[in-house]
Amino acid sequence: MLSKGRLGLLLLLLMSCSSRFVQLSHPQSSRPHVIKVVPNHKYNLDAIFSGEDITVGNRTEKWVRQVTIRSAVTGNEIRFSRPDGPSPSDFGALDIEIWSPDEEFLVLPLDRFHGFCIIRAEETIPLLQKQSCSDMVRATTETGGVLWHQFERWDGNEAFIFSSGLYGDLTRLKYQIPSGKLTSLDSNFSFLRGYNSEGKIEITRAP
């Protein structure tokens, strides 16, 4: 179980992160513009990353604030806008590699404490129209407490690696989409509990 000290540390992290985002937010234009477009050639889809230019010290950074999926066939565009999606003030949350290497899956982050929305690429348009997911994955404490989530990278075509935990105590996890198997790449996972769209799932140690 988490001690009061660790929970307090998490609250301090949230407050410091919120403060940091506000300090970095100096957009050169208040209207989001297209930062990059990442195509899915297999299913004729484009992921459009839009946002703003912000000044950080003496340099300019690209701040992705929204992702829109466009059909290259019909031209229809649907913005990812779930209520539990990433906060617009969360710098870097949406700027991840969303298509799997074989272009069969799409992973979109929810807010930092709700994990990830997984969509089969062939179902992208109808599911996004309903703001639904084919699957979801997240980790909590053994008592159901929320934890920070950070996407890391794809591991092959059907699995991805992410980190979850408290500040300074993150555990790297690997989720295999077809099997729904969640494994820990680190030894410090005994306090974690895993969930996907089917409910609670076991977290095992990776070989």
N, C-alpha and C. Protein backbone atom coordinates (compact mmCIF):
# COMPACT_ATOMS: atom_id res chain seq x y z
N MET A 1 0.84 -1.21 0.00
CA MET A 1 0.00 0.00 0.00
C MET A 1 0.87 1.25 0.00
N LEU A 2 0.31 2.35 -0.54
CA LEU A 2 1.07 3.59 -0.61
C LEU A 2 1.01 4.31 0.72
N SER A 3 2.15 4.83 1.15
CA SER A 3 2.18 5.61 2.38
C SER A 3 1.64 7.01 2.12
N LYS A 4 1.29 7.71 3.20
CA LYS A 4 0.81 9.08 3.04
C LYS A 4 1.90 9.95 2.41
N GLY A 5 3.16 9.61 2.71
CA GLY A 5 4.26 10.39 2.14
C GLY A 5 4.31 10.27 0.64
N ARG A 6 4.10 9.04 0.13
CA ARG A 6 4.15 8.86 -1.32
C ARG A 6 2.97 9.52 -2.01
N LEU A 7 1.79 9.45 -1.36
CA LEU A 7 0.64 10.14 -1.93
C LEU A 7 0.85 11.64 -1.94
N GLY A 8 1.46 12.14 -0.88
CA GLY A 8 1.76 13.57 -0.83
C GLY A 8 2.73 13.97 -1.91
N LEU A 9 3.69 13.10 -2.20
CA LEU A 9 4.66 13.37 -3.26
C LEU A 9 3.98 13.44 -4.60
N LEU A 10 2.98 12.56 -4.81
CA LEU A 10 2.24 12.60 -6.06
C LEU A 10 1.50 13.91 -6.22
N LEU A 11 0.87 14.38 -5.14
CA LEU A 11 0.15 15.65 -5.22
C LEU A 11 1.09 16.81 -5.52
N LEU A 12 2.26 16.78 -4.91
CA LEU A 12 3.24 17.82 -5.20
C LEU A 12 3.67 17.78 -6.66
N LEU A 13 3.82 16.56 -7.20
CA LEU A 13 4.18 16.41 -8.60
C LEU A 13 3.13 17.03 -9.50
N LEU A 14 1.85 16.76 -9.20
CA LEU A 14 0.78 17.30 -10.02
C LEU A 14 0.78 18.81 -10.00
N MET A 15 0.97 19.38 -8.82
CA MET A 15 0.97 20.84 -8.71
C MET A 15 2.15 21.45 -9.43
N SER A 16 3.33 20.79 -9.34
CA SER A 16 4.51 21.33 -10.00
C SER A 16 4.39 21.21 -11.49
N CYS A 17 3.79 20.06 -11.98
CA CYS A 17 3.61 19.88 -13.41
C CYS A 17 2.66 20.92 -13.96
N SER A 18 1.53 21.14 -13.24
CA SER A 18 0.56 22.13 -13.68
C SER A 18 1.19 23.50 -13.78
N SER A 19 1.99 23.85 -12.78
CA SER A 19 2.66 25.15 -12.78
C SER A 19 3.64 25.26 -13.94
N ARG A 20 4.36 24.15 -14.22
CA ARG A 20 5.36 24.19 -15.29
C ARG A 20 4.69 24.39 -16.64
N PHE A 21 3.53 23.74 -16.85
CA PHE A 21 2.85 23.87 -18.13
C PHE A 21 2.41 25.31 -18.36
N VAL A 22 1.91 25.95 -17.30
CA VAL A 22 1.47 27.33 -17.45
C VAL A 22 2.64 28.23 -17.80
N GLN A 23 3.78 28.03 -17.18
CA GLN A 23 4.93 28.88 -17.43
C GLN A 23 5.47 28.70 -18.85
N LEU A 24 5.32 27.50 -19.42
CA LEU A 24 5.84 27.26 -20.76
C LEU A 24 4.89 27.73 -21.84
N SER A 25 3.64 27.98 -21.47
CA SER A 25 2.62 28.25 -22.48
C SER A 25 2.64 29.71 -22.91
N HIS A 26 3.46 29.98 -23.93
CA HIS A 26 3.50 31.33 -24.50
C HIS A 26 3.31 31.19 -26.01
N PRO A 27 2.09 30.81 -26.44
CA PRO A 27 1.86 30.56 -27.85
C PRO A 27 2.08 31.79 -28.71
N GLN A 28 2.72 31.56 -29.87
CA GLN A 28 2.89 32.65 -30.83
C GLN A 28 1.59 32.89 -31.58
N SER A 29 0.73 31.88 -31.62
CA SER A 29 -0.57 32.03 -32.24
C SER A 29 -1.58 31.26 -31.41
N SER A 30 -2.73 31.86 -31.12
CA SER A 30 -3.72 31.21 -30.29
C SER A 30 -4.52 30.18 -31.07
N ARG A 31 -4.40 30.19 -32.38
CA ARG A 31 -5.16 29.26 -33.21
C ARG A 31 -4.27 28.07 -33.57
N PRO A 32 -4.70 26.83 -33.24
CA PRO A 32 -3.87 25.66 -33.54
C PRO A 32 -3.59 25.54 -35.03
N HIS A 33 -2.38 25.16 -35.36
CA HIS A 33 -2.03 24.92 -36.76
C HIS A 33 -1.45 23.51 -36.87
N VAL A 34 -1.39 23.00 -38.09
CA VAL A 34 -0.90 21.64 -38.31
C VAL A 34 0.60 21.60 -38.07
N ILE A 35 1.02 20.71 -37.17
CA ILE A 35 2.43 20.53 -36.86
C ILE A 35 3.04 19.41 -37.70
N LYS A 36 2.29 18.31 -37.84
CA LYS A 36 2.77 17.21 -38.67
C LYS A 36 1.58 16.33 -39.05
N VAL A 37 1.77 15.57 -40.13
CA VAL A 37 0.77 14.61 -40.59
C VAL A 37 1.47 13.27 -40.73
N VAL A 38 0.93 12.25 -40.04
CA VAL A 38 1.53 10.90 -40.09
C VAL A 38 0.54 9.97 -40.77
N PRO A 39 0.86 9.50 -41.98
CA PRO A 39 -0.09 8.68 -42.72
C PRO A 39 -0.09 7.21 -42.29
N ASN A 40 -1.24 6.58 -42.49
CA ASN A 40 -1.37 5.13 -42.42
C ASN A 40 -1.71 4.70 -43.84
N HIS A 41 -0.71 4.22 -44.57
CA HIS A 41 -0.89 3.90 -45.98
C HIS A 41 -1.80 2.70 -46.19
N LYS A 42 -1.79 1.77 -45.25
CA LYS A 42 -2.56 0.53 -45.41
C LYS A 42 -4.06 0.81 -45.43
N TYR A 43 -4.50 1.75 -44.60
CA TYR A 43 -5.93 2.02 -44.49
C TYR A 43 -6.30 3.43 -44.96
N ASN A 44 -5.41 4.08 -45.67
CA ASN A 44 -5.69 5.40 -46.25
C ASN A 44 -6.18 6.40 -45.20
N LEU A 45 -5.43 6.48 -44.12
CA LEU A 45 -5.76 7.40 -43.04
C LEU A 45 -4.59 8.33 -42.77
N ASP A 46 -4.89 9.52 -42.30
CA ASP A 46 -3.87 10.48 -41.88
C ASP A 46 -4.13 10.89 -40.44
N ALA A 47 -3.09 10.86 -39.62
CA ALA A 47 -3.17 11.40 -38.27
C ALA A 47 -2.60 12.81 -38.31
N ILE A 48 -3.44 13.78 -38.04
CA ILE A 48 -3.05 15.19 -38.11
C ILE A 48 -2.81 15.71 -36.71
N PHE A 49 -1.58 16.09 -36.43
CA PHE A 49 -1.19 16.63 -35.13
C PHE A 49 -1.20 18.16 -35.22
N SER A 50 -2.06 18.80 -34.45
CA SER A 50 -2.18 20.25 -34.48
C SER A 50 -1.84 20.83 -33.13
N GLY A 51 -1.39 22.08 -33.15
CA GLY A 51 -1.04 22.72 -31.88
C GLY A 51 -0.51 24.11 -32.07
N GLU A 52 0.46 24.48 -31.25
CA GLU A 52 0.98 25.84 -31.22
C GLU A 52 2.49 25.83 -31.09
N ASP A 53 3.08 26.95 -31.43
CA ASP A 53 4.50 27.17 -31.17
C ASP A 53 4.62 27.90 -29.83
N ILE A 54 5.46 27.37 -28.94
CA ILE A 54 5.65 28.03 -27.65
C ILE A 54 7.14 28.35 -27.47
N THR A 55 7.39 29.38 -26.72
CA THR A 55 8.75 29.80 -26.45
C THR A 55 9.21 29.22 -25.12
N VAL A 56 10.31 28.47 -25.15
CA VAL A 56 10.91 27.90 -23.95
C VAL A 56 12.33 28.43 -23.86
N GLY A 57 12.53 29.40 -22.99
CA GLY A 57 13.83 30.05 -22.93
C GLY A 57 14.10 30.80 -24.23
N ASN A 58 15.19 30.43 -24.91
CA ASN A 58 15.53 31.10 -26.17
C ASN A 58 15.24 30.24 -27.38
N ARG A 59 14.39 29.21 -27.22
CA ARG A 59 14.05 28.35 -28.36
C ARG A 59 12.54 28.20 -28.48
N THR A 60 12.10 27.76 -29.65
CA THR A 60 10.69 27.53 -29.92
C THR A 60 10.41 26.05 -30.00
N GLU A 61 9.36 25.61 -29.30
CA GLU A 61 8.97 24.20 -29.31
C GLU A 61 7.59 24.05 -29.95
N LYS A 62 7.34 22.87 -30.51
CA LYS A 62 6.03 22.55 -31.07
C LYS A 62 5.20 21.87 -29.99
N TRP A 63 4.04 22.39 -29.69
CA TRP A 63 3.17 21.86 -28.66
C TRP A 63 1.94 21.24 -29.32
N VAL A 64 1.90 19.90 -29.39
CA VAL A 64 0.75 19.20 -29.96
C VAL A 64 -0.39 19.22 -28.95
N ARG A 65 -1.52 19.76 -29.35
CA ARG A 65 -2.65 19.89 -28.42
C ARG A 65 -3.87 19.09 -28.86
N GLN A 66 -3.87 18.59 -30.10
CA GLN A 66 -5.00 17.78 -30.54
C GLN A 66 -4.57 16.88 -31.70
N VAL A 67 -5.27 15.75 -31.82
CA VAL A 67 -5.03 14.81 -32.91
C VAL A 67 -6.35 14.58 -33.64
N THR A 68 -6.30 14.69 -34.95
CA THR A 68 -7.46 14.46 -35.80
C THR A 68 -7.12 13.37 -36.80
N ILE A 69 -8.04 12.45 -37.00
CA ILE A 69 -7.84 11.40 -38.00
C ILE A 69 -8.66 11.76 -39.24
N ARG A 70 -8.00 11.73 -40.38
CA ARG A 70 -8.66 12.08 -41.65
C ARG A 70 -8.64 10.88 -42.60
N SER A 71 -9.77 10.62 -43.22
CA SER A 71 -9.82 9.60 -44.27
C SER A 71 -9.27 10.19 -45.55
N ALA A 72 -8.22 9.58 -46.10
CA ALA A 72 -7.64 10.07 -47.35
C ALA A 72 -8.56 9.79 -48.53
N VAL A 73 -9.57 8.95 -48.34
CA VAL A 73 -10.52 8.60 -49.40
C VAL A 73 -11.68 9.59 -49.44
N THR A 74 -12.30 9.84 -48.29
CA THR A 74 -13.47 10.72 -48.25
C THR A 74 -13.15 12.14 -47.83
N GLY A 75 -12.01 12.32 -47.16
CA GLY A 75 -11.66 13.65 -46.65
C GLY A 75 -12.30 13.96 -45.31
N ASN A 76 -13.12 13.07 -44.79
CA ASN A 76 -13.75 13.30 -43.49
C ASN A 76 -12.70 13.31 -42.38
N GLU A 77 -12.88 14.21 -41.42
CA GLU A 77 -11.95 14.35 -40.30
C GLU A 77 -12.70 14.20 -38.99
N ILE A 78 -12.10 13.44 -38.07
CA ILE A 78 -12.70 13.25 -36.75
C ILE A 78 -11.62 13.51 -35.70
N ARG A 79 -11.91 14.41 -34.82
CA ARG A 79 -10.95 14.76 -33.76
C ARG A 79 -11.10 13.82 -32.57
N PHE A 80 -9.99 13.39 -32.02
CA PHE A 80 -9.98 12.59 -30.81
C PHE A 80 -10.29 13.51 -29.64
N SER A 81 -11.47 13.34 -29.05
CA SER A 81 -11.91 14.31 -28.03
C SER A 81 -12.73 13.65 -26.93
N ARG A 82 -12.21 12.54 -26.41
CA ARG A 82 -12.89 11.88 -25.29
C ARG A 82 -12.83 12.75 -24.04
N PRO A 83 -13.85 12.67 -23.18
CA PRO A 83 -13.82 13.43 -21.92
C PRO A 83 -12.63 13.07 -21.04
N ASP A 84 -12.18 11.80 -21.14
CA ASP A 84 -11.02 11.38 -20.34
C ASP A 84 -9.73 11.44 -21.15
N GLY A 85 -9.75 12.23 -22.23
CA GLY A 85 -8.55 12.38 -23.05
C GLY A 85 -7.53 13.29 -22.38
N PRO A 86 -6.37 13.46 -23.03
CA PRO A 86 -5.30 14.27 -22.45
C PRO A 86 -5.73 15.71 -22.20
N SER A 87 -5.23 16.29 -21.15
CA SER A 87 -5.50 17.69 -20.87
C SER A 87 -4.82 18.56 -21.93
N PRO A 88 -5.49 19.60 -22.42
CA PRO A 88 -4.86 20.49 -23.40
C PRO A 88 -3.59 21.15 -22.88
N SER A 89 -3.43 21.20 -21.55
CA SER A 89 -2.25 21.84 -20.96
C SER A 89 -1.11 20.85 -20.71
N ASP A 90 -1.31 19.58 -21.11
CA ASP A 90 -0.29 18.56 -20.85
C ASP A 90 0.69 18.51 -22.01
N PHE A 91 1.78 19.22 -21.87
CA PHE A 91 2.78 19.34 -22.92
C PHE A 91 3.40 17.97 -23.22
N GLY A 92 3.36 17.54 -24.48
CA GLY A 92 3.99 16.30 -24.91
C GLY A 92 3.15 15.06 -24.81
N ALA A 93 1.96 15.13 -24.20
CA ALA A 93 1.16 13.92 -24.00
C ALA A 93 0.74 13.29 -25.33
N LEU A 94 0.37 14.10 -26.30
CA LEU A 94 -0.14 13.59 -27.57
C LEU A 94 0.94 13.36 -28.62
N ASP A 95 2.12 13.83 -28.36
CA ASP A 95 3.19 13.74 -29.37
C ASP A 95 3.91 12.40 -29.26
N ILE A 96 3.22 11.32 -29.65
CA ILE A 96 3.77 9.98 -29.56
C ILE A 96 3.62 9.27 -30.91
N GLU A 97 4.23 8.11 -31.03
CA GLU A 97 4.13 7.30 -32.25
C GLU A 97 2.83 6.50 -32.18
N ILE A 98 1.77 7.00 -32.77
CA ILE A 98 0.46 6.42 -32.54
C ILE A 98 0.16 5.19 -33.40
N TRP A 99 0.72 5.10 -34.63
CA TRP A 99 0.46 3.93 -35.47
C TRP A 99 1.46 2.83 -35.15
N SER A 100 0.98 1.59 -35.11
CA SER A 100 1.91 0.46 -34.95
C SER A 100 2.75 0.34 -36.21
N PRO A 101 3.92 -0.30 -36.13
CA PRO A 101 4.81 -0.41 -37.30
C PRO A 101 4.14 -1.03 -38.52
N ASP A 102 3.22 -1.98 -38.30
CA ASP A 102 2.54 -2.60 -39.45
C ASP A 102 1.24 -1.88 -39.80
N GLU A 103 0.96 -0.77 -39.10
CA GLU A 103 -0.20 0.09 -39.35
C GLU A 103 -1.54 -0.57 -39.05
N GLU A 104 -1.53 -1.63 -38.24
CA GLU A 104 -2.77 -2.32 -37.92
C GLU A 104 -3.44 -1.77 -36.65
N PHE A 105 -2.69 -1.04 -35.84
CA PHE A 105 -3.23 -0.53 -34.59
C PHE A 105 -2.93 0.96 -34.43
N LEU A 106 -3.80 1.59 -33.67
CA LEU A 106 -3.66 3.00 -33.31
C LEU A 106 -3.73 3.10 -31.79
N VAL A 107 -2.75 3.73 -31.18
CA VAL A 107 -2.77 3.94 -29.74
C VAL A 107 -2.81 5.45 -29.46
N LEU A 108 -3.80 5.86 -28.68
CA LEU A 108 -3.94 7.26 -28.31
C LEU A 108 -3.94 7.35 -26.79
N PRO A 109 -3.19 8.30 -26.24
CA PRO A 109 -3.16 8.43 -24.78
C PRO A 109 -4.45 9.05 -24.25
N LEU A 110 -4.91 8.53 -23.13
CA LEU A 110 -5.97 9.20 -22.39
C LEU A 110 -5.27 10.17 -21.45
N ASP A 111 -5.97 10.73 -20.47
CA ASP A 111 -5.22 11.61 -19.58
C ASP A 111 -4.20 10.77 -18.81
N ARG A 112 -3.27 11.41 -18.16
CA ARG A 112 -2.11 10.72 -17.59
C ARG A 112 -2.48 9.61 -16.61
N PHE A 113 -3.71 9.64 -16.09
CA PHE A 113 -4.09 8.68 -15.06
C PHE A 113 -5.10 7.65 -15.54
N HIS A 114 -5.42 7.67 -16.85
CA HIS A 114 -6.38 6.72 -17.39
C HIS A 114 -5.78 5.77 -18.41
N GLY A 115 -4.49 5.90 -18.70
CA GLY A 115 -3.84 4.93 -19.58
C GLY A 115 -3.98 5.24 -21.05
N PHE A 116 -4.35 4.22 -21.85
CA PHE A 116 -4.31 4.34 -23.30
C PHE A 116 -5.53 3.73 -23.96
N CYS A 117 -5.96 4.38 -25.04
CA CYS A 117 -7.05 3.91 -25.89
C CYS A 117 -6.42 3.22 -27.10
N ILE A 118 -6.83 1.99 -27.36
CA ILE A 118 -6.28 1.19 -28.45
C ILE A 118 -7.38 0.95 -29.48
N ILE A 119 -7.08 1.21 -30.75
CA ILE A 119 -8.07 1.07 -31.81
C ILE A 119 -7.46 0.25 -32.95
N ARG A 120 -8.21 -0.73 -33.44
CA ARG A 120 -7.78 -1.42 -34.65
C ARG A 120 -7.92 -0.45 -35.81
N ALA A 121 -6.87 -0.32 -36.60
CA ALA A 121 -6.83 0.73 -37.62
C ALA A 121 -8.02 0.64 -38.59
N GLU A 122 -8.44 -0.57 -38.92
CA GLU A 122 -9.56 -0.72 -39.85
C GLU A 122 -10.88 -0.22 -39.24
N GLU A 123 -10.92 -0.06 -37.92
CA GLU A 123 -12.12 0.42 -37.23
C GLU A 123 -12.01 1.87 -36.80
N THR A 124 -10.96 2.55 -37.22
CA THR A 124 -10.66 3.89 -36.69
C THR A 124 -11.81 4.86 -36.87
N ILE A 125 -12.31 5.02 -38.08
CA ILE A 125 -13.33 6.03 -38.34
C ILE A 125 -14.62 5.73 -37.57
N PRO A 126 -15.22 4.53 -37.68
CA PRO A 126 -16.46 4.31 -36.93
C PRO A 126 -16.30 4.40 -35.42
N LEU A 127 -15.15 3.96 -34.89
CA LEU A 127 -14.96 4.04 -33.44
C LEU A 127 -14.75 5.48 -32.98
N LEU A 128 -13.97 6.25 -33.73
CA LEU A 128 -13.77 7.64 -33.33
C LEU A 128 -15.04 8.46 -33.46
N GLN A 129 -15.91 8.08 -34.37
CA GLN A 129 -17.20 8.78 -34.46
C GLN A 129 -17.98 8.64 -33.16
N LYS A 130 -17.76 7.52 -32.47
CA LYS A 130 -18.41 7.28 -31.17
C LYS A 130 -17.47 7.59 -30.01
N GLN A 131 -16.24 8.03 -30.32
CA GLN A 131 -15.20 8.27 -29.31
C GLN A 131 -15.02 7.01 -28.45
N SER A 132 -14.97 5.85 -29.13
CA SER A 132 -14.81 4.57 -28.46
C SER A 132 -13.45 3.96 -28.77
N CYS A 133 -13.12 2.88 -28.08
CA CYS A 133 -11.84 2.20 -28.26
C CYS A 133 -12.10 0.70 -28.47
N SER A 134 -11.21 0.05 -29.22
CA SER A 134 -11.27 -1.40 -29.33
C SER A 134 -10.84 -2.05 -28.03
N ASP A 135 -9.90 -1.42 -27.35
CA ASP A 135 -9.36 -1.92 -26.08
C ASP A 135 -8.76 -0.73 -25.34
N MET A 136 -8.52 -0.91 -24.06
CA MET A 136 -7.87 0.10 -23.24
C MET A 136 -6.96 -0.61 -22.26
N VAL A 137 -5.93 0.08 -21.79
CA VAL A 137 -5.06 -0.50 -20.77
C VAL A 137 -4.59 0.59 -19.82
N ARG A 138 -4.51 0.24 -18.54
CA ARG A 138 -4.02 1.17 -17.54
C ARG A 138 -3.54 0.38 -16.32
N ALA A 139 -2.82 1.05 -15.46
CA ALA A 139 -2.36 0.44 -14.21
C ALA A 139 -2.78 1.32 -13.06
N THR A 140 -3.06 0.69 -11.92
CA THR A 140 -3.39 1.41 -10.70
C THR A 140 -2.58 0.81 -9.55
N THR A 141 -2.70 1.40 -8.38
CA THR A 141 -2.13 0.78 -7.19
C THR A 141 -3.03 -0.38 -6.78
N GLU A 142 -2.60 -1.17 -5.82
CA GLU A 142 -3.38 -2.31 -5.36
C GLU A 142 -4.68 -1.89 -4.70
N THR A 143 -4.77 -0.63 -4.27
CA THR A 143 -6.00 -0.13 -3.66
C THR A 143 -6.84 0.69 -4.64
N GLY A 144 -6.43 0.71 -5.90
CA GLY A 144 -7.18 1.44 -6.91
C GLY A 144 -6.74 2.88 -7.11
N GLY A 145 -5.65 3.29 -6.47
CA GLY A 145 -5.15 4.65 -6.62
C GLY A 145 -4.62 4.90 -8.02
N VAL A 146 -4.79 6.13 -8.50
CA VAL A 146 -4.37 6.46 -9.85
C VAL A 146 -2.85 6.58 -9.93
N LEU A 147 -2.31 6.31 -11.12
CA LEU A 147 -0.88 6.39 -11.37
C LEU A 147 -0.62 7.13 -12.67
N TRP A 148 0.55 7.70 -12.77
CA TRP A 148 1.01 8.41 -13.97
C TRP A 148 1.31 7.39 -15.08
N HIS A 149 0.96 7.73 -16.34
CA HIS A 149 1.24 6.88 -17.48
C HIS A 149 2.02 7.66 -18.53
N GLN A 150 3.01 7.02 -19.11
CA GLN A 150 3.84 7.65 -20.14
C GLN A 150 4.16 6.63 -21.23
N PHE A 151 3.72 6.90 -22.46
CA PHE A 151 4.02 6.02 -23.58
C PHE A 151 5.52 6.08 -23.88
N GLU A 152 6.10 4.91 -24.17
CA GLU A 152 7.53 4.86 -24.51
C GLU A 152 7.75 4.53 -25.98
N ARG A 153 7.32 3.35 -26.41
CA ARG A 153 7.57 2.96 -27.80
C ARG A 153 6.81 1.67 -28.13
N TRP A 154 6.72 1.39 -29.43
CA TRP A 154 6.19 0.12 -29.88
C TRP A 154 7.26 -0.95 -29.73
N ASP A 155 6.84 -2.16 -29.42
CA ASP A 155 7.74 -3.31 -29.33
C ASP A 155 7.22 -4.35 -30.32
N GLY A 156 7.64 -4.23 -31.58
CA GLY A 156 7.07 -5.07 -32.63
C GLY A 156 5.76 -4.48 -33.12
N ASN A 157 4.98 -5.30 -33.80
CA ASN A 157 3.75 -4.82 -34.43
C ASN A 157 2.53 -4.85 -33.52
N GLU A 158 2.57 -5.67 -32.45
CA GLU A 158 1.36 -5.89 -31.67
C GLU A 158 1.50 -5.61 -30.19
N ALA A 159 2.58 -4.95 -29.80
CA ALA A 159 2.79 -4.65 -28.38
C ALA A 159 3.45 -3.28 -28.25
N PHE A 160 3.21 -2.63 -27.11
CA PHE A 160 3.89 -1.36 -26.85
C PHE A 160 4.29 -1.29 -25.39
N ILE A 161 5.29 -0.45 -25.13
CA ILE A 161 5.86 -0.30 -23.79
C ILE A 161 5.48 1.08 -23.25
N PHE A 162 5.09 1.10 -21.99
CA PHE A 162 4.79 2.36 -21.32
C PHE A 162 5.25 2.28 -19.87
N SER A 163 5.35 3.43 -19.23
CA SER A 163 5.74 3.49 -17.82
C SER A 163 4.54 3.93 -16.99
N SER A 164 4.47 3.40 -15.78
CA SER A 164 3.39 3.78 -14.87
C SER A 164 3.91 3.77 -13.44
N GLY A 165 3.41 4.69 -12.64
CA GLY A 165 3.83 4.73 -11.25
C GLY A 165 3.76 6.12 -10.68
N LEU A 166 4.56 6.37 -9.65
CA LEU A 166 4.67 7.67 -9.03
C LEU A 166 5.99 8.32 -9.44
N TYR A 167 6.08 9.61 -9.22
CA TYR A 167 7.30 10.33 -9.57
C TYR A 167 8.51 9.70 -8.89
N GLY A 168 9.50 9.35 -9.69
CA GLY A 168 10.71 8.75 -9.16
C GLY A 168 10.60 7.26 -8.92
N ASP A 169 9.43 6.69 -9.20
CA ASP A 169 9.22 5.26 -8.96
C ASP A 169 8.34 4.69 -10.06
N LEU A 170 8.78 4.83 -11.31
CA LEU A 170 8.02 4.37 -12.46
C LEU A 170 8.42 2.94 -12.83
N THR A 171 7.44 2.17 -13.26
CA THR A 171 7.67 0.80 -13.70
C THR A 171 7.36 0.68 -15.18
N ARG A 172 8.27 0.07 -15.92
CA ARG A 172 8.07 -0.13 -17.36
C ARG A 172 7.23 -1.38 -17.58
N LEU A 173 6.14 -1.22 -18.35
CA LEU A 173 5.22 -2.30 -18.62
C LEU A 173 5.07 -2.52 -20.13
N LYS A 174 4.77 -3.75 -20.50
CA LYS A 174 4.57 -4.09 -21.91
C LYS A 174 3.18 -4.70 -22.07
N TYR A 175 2.40 -4.12 -22.99
CA TYR A 175 1.06 -4.63 -23.24
C TYR A 175 1.00 -5.26 -24.62
N GLN A 176 0.59 -6.53 -24.65
CA GLN A 176 0.44 -7.26 -25.91
C GLN A 176 -1.04 -7.22 -26.30
N ILE A 177 -1.33 -6.52 -27.38
CA ILE A 177 -2.71 -6.20 -27.72
C ILE A 177 -3.57 -7.43 -28.03
N PRO A 178 -3.15 -8.35 -28.91
CA PRO A 178 -4.05 -9.48 -29.23
C PRO A 178 -4.39 -10.36 -28.04
N SER A 179 -3.42 -10.62 -27.17
CA SER A 179 -3.64 -11.51 -26.04
C SER A 179 -4.12 -10.80 -24.79
N GLY A 180 -3.97 -9.48 -24.74
CA GLY A 180 -4.34 -8.73 -23.54
C GLY A 180 -3.40 -9.01 -22.38
N LYS A 181 -2.19 -9.42 -22.67
CA LYS A 181 -1.22 -9.77 -21.62
C LYS A 181 -0.40 -8.54 -21.24
N LEU A 182 -0.28 -8.31 -19.92
CA LEU A 182 0.48 -7.18 -19.40
C LEU A 182 1.64 -7.71 -18.58
N THR A 183 2.86 -7.36 -18.97
CA THR A 183 4.05 -7.85 -18.27
C THR A 183 4.89 -6.67 -17.81
N SER A 184 5.63 -6.89 -16.72
CA SER A 184 6.52 -5.86 -16.19
C SER A 184 7.94 -6.13 -16.66
N LEU A 185 8.59 -5.07 -17.11
CA LEU A 185 9.99 -5.18 -17.52
C LEU A 185 10.92 -4.85 -16.37
N ASP A 186 10.36 -4.43 -15.24
CA ASP A 186 11.14 -4.10 -14.05
C ASP A 186 10.69 -4.99 -12.89
N SER A 187 11.46 -4.96 -11.83
CA SER A 187 11.13 -5.81 -10.67
C SER A 187 10.14 -5.16 -9.70
N ASN A 188 10.00 -3.85 -9.77
CA ASN A 188 9.15 -3.13 -8.80
C ASN A 188 7.72 -3.02 -9.31
N PHE A 189 6.99 -4.13 -9.36
CA PHE A 189 5.62 -4.08 -9.86
C PHE A 189 4.61 -4.72 -8.92
N SER A 190 5.03 -5.16 -7.74
CA SER A 190 4.12 -5.88 -6.85
C SER A 190 2.94 -5.02 -6.40
N PHE A 191 3.10 -3.70 -6.38
CA PHE A 191 2.01 -2.83 -5.91
C PHE A 191 1.07 -2.42 -7.04
N LEU A 192 1.34 -2.88 -8.27
CA LEU A 192 0.54 -2.48 -9.42
C LEU A 192 -0.58 -3.48 -9.70
N ARG A 193 -1.66 -2.96 -10.24
CA ARG A 193 -2.76 -3.78 -10.73
C ARG A 193 -3.10 -3.31 -12.15
N GLY A 194 -3.34 -4.25 -13.05
CA GLY A 194 -3.59 -3.92 -14.44
C GLY A 194 -5.05 -4.07 -14.82
N TYR A 195 -5.49 -3.25 -15.78
CA TYR A 195 -6.87 -3.31 -16.28
C TYR A 195 -6.87 -3.08 -17.78
N ASN A 196 -7.76 -3.79 -18.48
CA ASN A 196 -8.02 -3.48 -19.87
C ASN A 196 -9.53 -3.41 -20.06
N SER A 197 -10.02 -3.45 -21.31
CA SER A 197 -11.45 -3.29 -21.53
C SER A 197 -12.27 -4.46 -20.98
N GLU A 198 -11.61 -5.58 -20.70
CA GLU A 198 -12.31 -6.74 -20.15
C GLU A 198 -12.36 -6.73 -18.62
N GLY A 199 -11.60 -5.85 -17.99
CA GLY A 199 -11.55 -5.80 -16.55
C GLY A 199 -10.15 -5.97 -16.02
N LYS A 200 -10.03 -6.50 -14.82
CA LYS A 200 -8.73 -6.66 -14.18
C LYS A 200 -7.91 -7.74 -14.86
N ILE A 201 -6.63 -7.47 -15.08
CA ILE A 201 -5.73 -8.45 -15.69
C ILE A 201 -4.48 -8.60 -14.83
N GLU A 202 -3.90 -9.77 -14.88
CA GLU A 202 -2.71 -10.05 -14.09
C GLU A 202 -1.48 -9.40 -14.72
N ILE A 203 -0.61 -8.89 -13.88
CA ILE A 203 0.69 -8.38 -14.34
C ILE A 203 1.74 -9.42 -13.97
N THR A 204 2.46 -9.92 -14.96
CA THR A 204 3.49 -10.92 -14.72
C THR A 204 4.85 -10.34 -15.05
N ARG A 205 5.88 -11.00 -14.54
CA ARG A 205 7.25 -10.56 -14.80
C ARG A 205 7.67 -11.05 -16.17
N ALA A 206 8.23 -10.15 -16.98
CA ALA A 206 8.70 -10.53 -18.31
C ALA A 206 9.89 -11.47 -18.19
N PRO A 207 9.99 -12.46 -19.06
CA PRO A 207 11.14 -13.39 -18.99
C PRO A 207 12.46 -12.70 -19.27
